[in-house]
Amino acid sequence: MKLLTFNQNNASRLGIQTDSGVLDVVQAVQQLSPAFAVPTTVTDAIQGGAAATEALHQLVHLALESNERDTLLHNEETLNYGPCVTEPGKIICVGLNYRKHAEETNAPIPKYPILFNKFNNTLTGHGHDIALPRVTQEVDYEAELVIVIGKQAKYISKEQALDHVYGYCCVNDLSARDLQMRTAQWLLGKSCDDFSPLGPYLVTADEVGNPNDLKISTTVNGKVRQNSNTADMIFHCDEIVSYISQHMTLYPGDIILTGTPEGVVLGDPVDQRVYLKDGDVVTISIEKLGSLTNRMVSE
C-alpha cells in the first residue's frame, strides 16, 4: 500500500494511491460510513499496525466499488503534498553509510553507524519549493532511503529488526556543507527549514521486500548526479534498526535516514563543485518508492 498526505483547506489529509487516483480517506469515511474503524491520519495508520492497514485495504475496496467513487478520488497531479510522515517522534540519520560515498569524501569506513538527528522543521512534501538559506552558499543534495518504524523496538536483534518496520520512503537529506563542516557537529548544516522533503509515498514494507536491493538516484535539472543501489550500504537496514534499538527505544512513526550514495557535490574536486542554486530542480528516485521532486528558490 502507498500512503501519502496532502493539504486541503489548511488541514493535512491521508490519501492512498490507487490505479484510479488518490483515495481521500477522510472523505471516504464520511461518505461511506464503513462498519469498521478506519485510521484517518498517517500517524494513526502507522500506530494502528496490521489492523489499521487491513482497514485501509477494506476501505479502498469499498470506495472503488461504490457509486460515489468519483467524488472520493483525486488526480495526483492536482494535490498539494505534505510529508508522507507528518509527526515523527525522532528523525535519526546515519552518516557515511555508503562505501563509495565514504571513499569519494576521503573519509574512513566507519566501524559503527555514525548517528545524528534532524528536527520536524526540516519536513516538507513532494513538489514544494525549498528556500535556500541566506547563511549558506553550499547546499548539497543527498538521496536517501528512509525506514519508518511500525512497532516499538528496544534491544532487538538484527534478525528481528525488519519485523518492526512499517514501511519506507524517499528523502532528500539536504545539507549546507559550509555550516555542516563549521564544527565537529553536523547538526547545523542539516537542520535548516525544509531540509528533509519526504515522500511522495510511504510504501508499506510488504510491497518493498528487501530494502537493501533498491536502485537509488538523484537528478538535478534532469542530469543524473547519483546512481547507485542500497546494496552499497555499509550498515544494512536490519543492522541499523537493531543498533539504534540497543541505545534508545524506537516508537511507531520514528524515521531513520539511512545515508546517501556517491555523487554528491561534496565528492567533487573543490574547484569543480557546483552547489544548488535558485531554480534548480532536484529529483530523488528509489525503486518501488517513487520519485520526490523539489525546486530550490532564493530566500
Protein backbone atom coordinates (compact mmCIF):
# COMPACT_ATOMS: atom_id res chain seq x y z
CA MET A 1 0.00 0.00 0.00
CA LYS A 2 1.17 3.53 -0.83
CA LEU A 3 0.08 6.16 1.67
CA LEU A 4 0.54 9.90 1.27
CA THR A 5 -0.62 13.12 2.83
CA PHE A 6 -1.98 16.17 1.08
CA ASN A 7 -3.04 19.60 2.25
CA GLN A 8 -6.62 20.75 1.80
CA ASN A 9 -8.26 23.75 3.47
CA ASN A 10 -5.21 24.19 5.72
CA ALA A 11 -5.51 20.64 7.02
CA SER A 12 -3.42 17.54 6.36
CA ARG A 13 -5.40 14.63 4.91
CA LEU A 14 -4.50 10.99 4.42
CA GLY A 15 -4.55 9.57 0.91
CA ILE A 16 -3.99 6.15 -0.63
CA GLN A 17 -2.63 5.81 -4.13
CA THR A 18 -4.71 3.54 -6.35
CA ASP A 19 -4.70 2.83 -10.09
CA SER A 20 -7.79 5.06 -10.36
CA GLY A 21 -6.40 8.03 -8.44
CA VAL A 22 -5.71 9.03 -4.84
CA LEU A 23 -8.41 7.99 -2.40
CA ASP A 24 -9.27 10.71 0.12
CA VAL A 25 -9.56 8.61 3.29
CA VAL A 26 -11.38 11.25 5.36
CA GLN A 27 -13.92 11.87 2.60
CA ALA A 28 -14.42 8.15 2.07
CA VAL A 29 -15.11 7.56 5.76
CA GLN A 30 -17.56 10.48 5.86
CA GLN A 31 -19.49 9.42 2.76
CA LEU A 32 -19.40 5.65 3.03
CA SER A 33 -19.72 5.26 6.82
CA PRO A 34 -17.90 1.91 6.91
CA ALA A 35 -18.91 -0.55 9.64
CA PHE A 36 -15.28 -0.83 10.80
CA ALA A 37 -12.80 1.61 12.36
CA VAL A 38 -10.52 3.34 9.85
CA PRO A 39 -7.43 5.45 10.63
CA THR A 40 -7.79 8.92 9.14
CA THR A 41 -4.23 10.21 9.64
CA VAL A 42 -0.93 8.71 8.61
CA THR A 43 0.15 8.67 12.26
CA ASP A 44 -2.91 6.62 13.20
CA ALA A 45 -2.23 4.28 10.28
CA ILE A 46 1.33 3.65 11.43
CA GLN A 47 0.45 3.28 15.10
CA GLY A 48 -2.54 1.05 14.31
CA GLY A 49 -0.35 -1.68 12.86
CA ALA A 50 -1.76 -4.62 10.90
CA ALA A 51 -5.38 -3.97 11.90
CA ALA A 52 -5.24 -0.40 10.61
CA THR A 53 -3.60 -1.50 7.37
CA GLU A 54 -6.30 -4.11 6.80
CA ALA A 55 -8.99 -1.50 7.47
CA LEU A 56 -7.46 0.78 4.84
CA HIS A 57 -7.37 -2.08 2.33
CA GLN A 58 -11.07 -2.72 3.01
CA LEU A 59 -11.86 0.98 2.61
CA VAL A 60 -10.14 1.09 -0.78
CA HIS A 61 -12.18 -1.91 -1.96
CA LEU A 62 -15.39 -0.35 -0.65
CA ALA A 63 -14.66 3.01 -2.27
CA LEU A 64 -13.71 1.63 -5.67
CA GLU A 65 -16.91 -0.46 -5.76
CA SER A 66 -19.06 2.47 -4.66
CA ASN A 67 -21.28 4.58 -6.90
CA GLU A 68 -19.62 7.57 -5.21
CA ARG A 69 -16.08 6.62 -6.23
CA ASP A 70 -15.57 9.64 -8.50
CA THR A 71 -16.20 12.02 -5.58
CA LEU A 72 -13.65 10.19 -3.43
CA LEU A 73 -10.70 10.13 -5.84
CA HIS A 74 -8.25 12.90 -6.63
CA ASN A 75 -5.98 13.37 -9.63
CA GLU A 76 -2.48 13.12 -8.18
CA GLU A 77 -1.22 16.00 -10.31
CA THR A 78 -3.58 18.42 -8.54
CA LEU A 79 -2.52 17.55 -4.99
CA ASN A 80 -0.58 19.78 -2.61
CA TYR A 81 1.57 17.12 -0.99
CA GLY A 82 2.64 17.07 2.62
CA PRO A 83 5.47 14.97 4.08
CA CYS A 84 4.39 11.32 3.97
CA VAL A 85 5.15 11.00 7.72
CA THR A 86 3.90 14.09 9.48
CA GLU A 87 4.75 13.67 13.17
CA PRO A 88 7.88 11.57 13.67
CA GLY A 89 8.93 11.42 17.30
CA LYS A 90 12.53 11.05 16.18
CA ILE A 91 14.40 11.84 12.96
CA ILE A 92 17.60 9.80 13.20
CA CYS A 93 20.22 9.97 10.47
CA VAL A 94 23.12 7.70 9.55
CA GLY A 95 26.20 9.41 8.14
CA LEU A 96 28.74 7.99 5.70
CA ASN A 97 26.78 4.76 5.27
CA TYR A 98 27.59 4.02 1.62
CA ARG A 99 31.03 2.63 0.93
CA LYS A 100 31.60 4.61 -2.29
CA HIS A 101 30.34 7.82 -0.69
CA ALA A 102 32.82 7.44 2.18
CA GLU A 103 35.55 6.86 -0.39
CA GLU A 104 34.63 9.90 -2.52
CA THR A 105 34.81 12.18 0.54
CA ASN A 106 38.11 10.63 1.68
CA ALA A 107 36.51 9.50 4.95
CA PRO A 108 37.47 6.27 6.71
CA ILE A 109 34.94 3.43 6.60
CA PRO A 110 33.01 3.70 9.90
CA LYS A 111 33.31 0.87 12.40
CA TYR A 112 29.93 1.81 13.90
CA PRO A 113 26.97 3.71 12.45
CA ILE A 114 27.51 7.47 12.68
CA LEU A 115 24.28 8.86 14.11
CA PHE A 116 22.96 12.41 14.22
CA ASN A 117 19.49 13.92 14.16
CA LYS A 118 17.27 16.40 12.41
CA PHE A 119 14.07 18.09 13.59
CA ASN A 120 10.49 18.36 12.34
CA ASN A 121 11.08 21.88 10.98
CA THR A 122 13.00 20.18 8.16
CA LEU A 123 9.94 18.27 6.91
CA THR A 124 8.15 19.25 3.72
CA GLY A 125 6.45 17.50 0.85
CA HIS A 126 6.94 16.48 -2.76
CA GLY A 127 6.53 19.39 -5.16
CA HIS A 128 7.21 22.16 -2.65
CA ASP A 129 9.74 24.91 -3.29
CA ILE A 130 12.64 24.94 -0.83
CA ALA A 131 14.18 28.26 0.15
CA LEU A 132 17.96 28.26 0.10
CA PRO A 133 19.03 29.80 3.45
CA ARG A 134 20.77 33.16 3.31
CA VAL A 135 23.51 31.92 5.62
CA THR A 136 24.95 29.31 3.23
CA GLN A 137 26.31 29.12 -0.28
CA GLU A 138 26.90 25.35 -0.26
CA VAL A 139 23.60 23.45 -0.25
CA ASP A 140 24.05 19.85 -1.42
CA TYR A 141 21.55 17.10 -2.24
CA GLU A 142 21.53 13.61 -0.73
CA ALA A 143 19.22 10.83 -1.94
CA GLU A 144 18.35 8.55 0.98
CA LEU A 145 16.14 5.61 1.83
CA VAL A 146 14.03 6.22 4.95
CA ILE A 147 12.99 3.49 7.38
CA VAL A 148 9.66 4.16 9.11
CA ILE A 149 9.29 2.29 12.40
CA GLY A 150 6.00 0.45 12.91
CA LYS A 151 6.45 -1.34 16.24
CA GLN A 152 8.14 -0.32 19.47
CA ALA A 153 11.72 -1.62 19.43
CA LYS A 154 14.20 -1.95 22.27
CA TYR A 155 17.18 -4.33 22.43
CA ILE A 156 16.05 -6.20 19.31
CA SER A 157 18.31 -8.45 17.26
CA LYS A 158 19.22 -7.94 13.62
CA GLU A 159 17.01 -10.92 12.78
CA GLN A 160 14.01 -9.26 14.45
CA ALA A 161 14.66 -5.75 13.15
CA LEU A 162 12.70 -5.63 9.90
CA ASP A 163 9.62 -7.04 11.64
CA HIS A 164 9.48 -3.68 13.43
CA VAL A 165 9.45 -1.65 10.21
CA TYR A 166 6.17 -0.21 8.91
CA GLY A 167 7.50 0.93 5.55
CA TYR A 168 9.92 3.02 3.56
CA CYS A 169 10.05 6.30 1.67
CA CYS A 170 12.37 8.72 -0.12
CA VAL A 171 14.03 11.76 1.38
CA ASN A 172 16.39 14.44 0.15
CA ASP A 173 18.72 14.98 3.12
CA LEU A 174 19.66 18.50 2.07
CA SER A 175 22.94 19.63 3.61
CA ALA A 176 24.57 23.04 3.89
CA ARG A 177 28.16 21.86 3.71
CA ASP A 178 29.78 25.07 4.96
CA LEU A 179 27.55 25.03 8.05
CA GLN A 180 27.91 21.26 8.45
CA MET A 181 31.70 21.43 8.49
CA ARG A 182 31.95 24.60 10.60
CA THR A 183 32.26 22.49 13.76
CA ALA A 184 32.64 18.79 14.56
CA GLN A 185 28.84 18.55 15.00
CA TRP A 186 26.92 18.28 11.71
CA LEU A 187 23.51 19.33 13.05
CA LEU A 188 23.55 22.99 11.97
CA GLY A 189 24.11 22.17 8.31
CA LYS A 190 21.40 19.51 8.31
CA SER A 191 18.54 21.20 10.15
CA CYS A 192 17.61 24.29 8.16
CA ASP A 193 13.92 24.69 7.37
CA ASP A 194 12.55 22.26 4.76
CA PHE A 195 15.84 20.34 4.52
CA SER A 196 14.04 16.95 4.62
CA PRO A 197 11.44 16.75 1.86
CA LEU A 198 9.83 13.36 2.48
CA GLY A 199 7.72 11.28 0.11
CA PRO A 200 5.81 11.31 -2.08
CA TYR A 201 4.66 7.95 -0.70
CA LEU A 202 5.06 5.89 2.44
CA VAL A 203 5.17 2.37 0.99
CA THR A 204 4.39 -0.49 3.36
CA ALA A 205 7.20 -2.98 3.92
CA ASP A 206 5.32 -5.87 2.30
CA GLU A 207 5.44 -4.07 -1.07
CA VAL A 208 9.15 -3.29 -0.83
CA GLY A 209 10.72 -6.61 0.11
CA ASN A 210 14.48 -6.41 0.63
CA PRO A 211 15.30 -2.74 1.37
CA ASN A 212 18.96 -3.36 0.58
CA ASP A 213 18.39 -4.18 -3.07
CA LEU A 214 16.84 -0.98 -4.42
CA LYS A 215 18.08 1.36 -7.14
CA ILE A 216 18.56 4.90 -5.84
CA SER A 217 19.33 8.04 -7.85
CA THR A 218 19.33 11.84 -7.98
CA THR A 219 18.91 14.17 -10.91
CA VAL A 220 19.49 17.92 -10.91
CA ASN A 221 17.71 19.69 -13.75
CA GLY A 222 17.38 16.30 -15.46
CA LYS A 223 21.09 15.44 -15.23
CA VAL A 224 21.94 12.26 -13.29
CA ARG A 225 24.15 13.07 -10.31
CA GLN A 226 23.73 9.98 -8.11
CA ASN A 227 23.08 6.47 -9.42
CA SER A 228 23.58 3.57 -7.05
CA ASN A 229 21.89 0.76 -5.13
CA THR A 230 21.07 0.42 -1.44
CA ALA A 231 23.16 -2.76 -1.51
CA ASP A 232 26.22 -0.47 -1.15
CA MET A 233 25.25 0.45 2.42
CA ILE A 234 27.96 -0.31 4.96
CA PHE A 235 25.35 -1.00 7.65
CA HIS A 236 22.21 -2.54 6.18
CA CYS A 237 18.73 -1.63 7.34
CA ASP A 238 18.36 -4.54 9.75
CA GLU A 239 21.71 -3.69 11.35
CA ILE A 240 20.77 -0.01 11.69
CA VAL A 241 17.43 -0.66 13.39
CA SER A 242 18.95 -3.23 15.74
CA TYR A 243 21.93 -1.00 16.60
CA ILE A 244 19.81 2.06 17.39
CA SER A 245 17.43 -0.04 19.49
CA GLN A 246 20.31 -1.04 21.77
CA HIS A 247 20.68 2.60 22.80
CA MET A 248 17.19 4.11 22.66
CA THR A 249 13.61 2.91 22.29
CA LEU A 250 12.19 3.29 18.82
CA TYR A 251 8.48 4.03 18.56
CA PRO A 252 5.96 3.78 15.70
CA GLY A 253 6.39 6.78 13.43
CA ASP A 254 10.08 7.34 14.18
CA ILE A 255 12.06 7.68 10.96
CA ILE A 256 15.64 6.72 10.15
CA LEU A 257 17.51 8.29 7.21
CA THR A 258 19.97 5.62 6.13
CA GLY A 259 22.69 7.58 4.33
CA THR A 260 23.46 8.64 0.78
CA PRO A 261 25.44 7.05 -2.07
CA GLU A 262 28.28 8.60 -4.02
CA GLY A 263 27.74 11.50 -6.42
CA VAL A 264 27.14 14.42 -4.04
CA VAL A 265 28.68 17.82 -4.77
CA LEU A 266 30.99 17.44 -1.77
CA GLY A 267 32.60 14.47 -3.50
CA ASP A 268 33.74 16.56 -6.49
CA PRO A 269 37.16 18.25 -6.59
CA VAL A 270 36.98 21.57 -4.77
CA ASP A 271 37.39 23.63 -7.95
CA GLN A 272 34.59 21.70 -9.69
CA ARG A 273 31.90 21.85 -7.01
CA VAL A 274 28.65 23.42 -8.17
CA TYR A 275 26.21 23.65 -5.30
CA LEU A 276 22.45 24.02 -5.63
CA LYS A 277 21.18 27.42 -6.75
CA ASP A 278 17.95 29.28 -7.35
CA GLY A 279 15.77 27.44 -9.87
CA ASP A 280 17.48 24.04 -9.63
CA VAL A 281 15.03 21.13 -9.69
CA VAL A 282 16.15 18.07 -7.72
CA THR A 283 14.52 14.65 -8.07
CA ILE A 284 15.24 11.74 -5.75
CA SER A 285 14.12 8.33 -7.06
CA ILE A 286 14.15 4.97 -5.29
CA GLU A 287 12.95 1.75 -6.84
CA LYS A 288 9.42 0.80 -5.65
CA LEU A 289 9.08 4.07 -3.70
CA GLY A 290 8.58 6.65 -6.44
CA SER A 291 10.20 10.00 -7.16
CA LEU A 292 10.43 13.08 -4.95
CA THR A 293 10.89 16.43 -6.71
CA ASN A 294 11.55 19.89 -5.27
CA ARG A 295 12.73 23.20 -6.71
CA MET A 296 15.29 25.33 -4.92
CA VAL A 297 14.49 29.05 -4.67
CA SER A 298 16.26 32.08 -3.25
CA GLU A 299 15.09 33.07 0.23
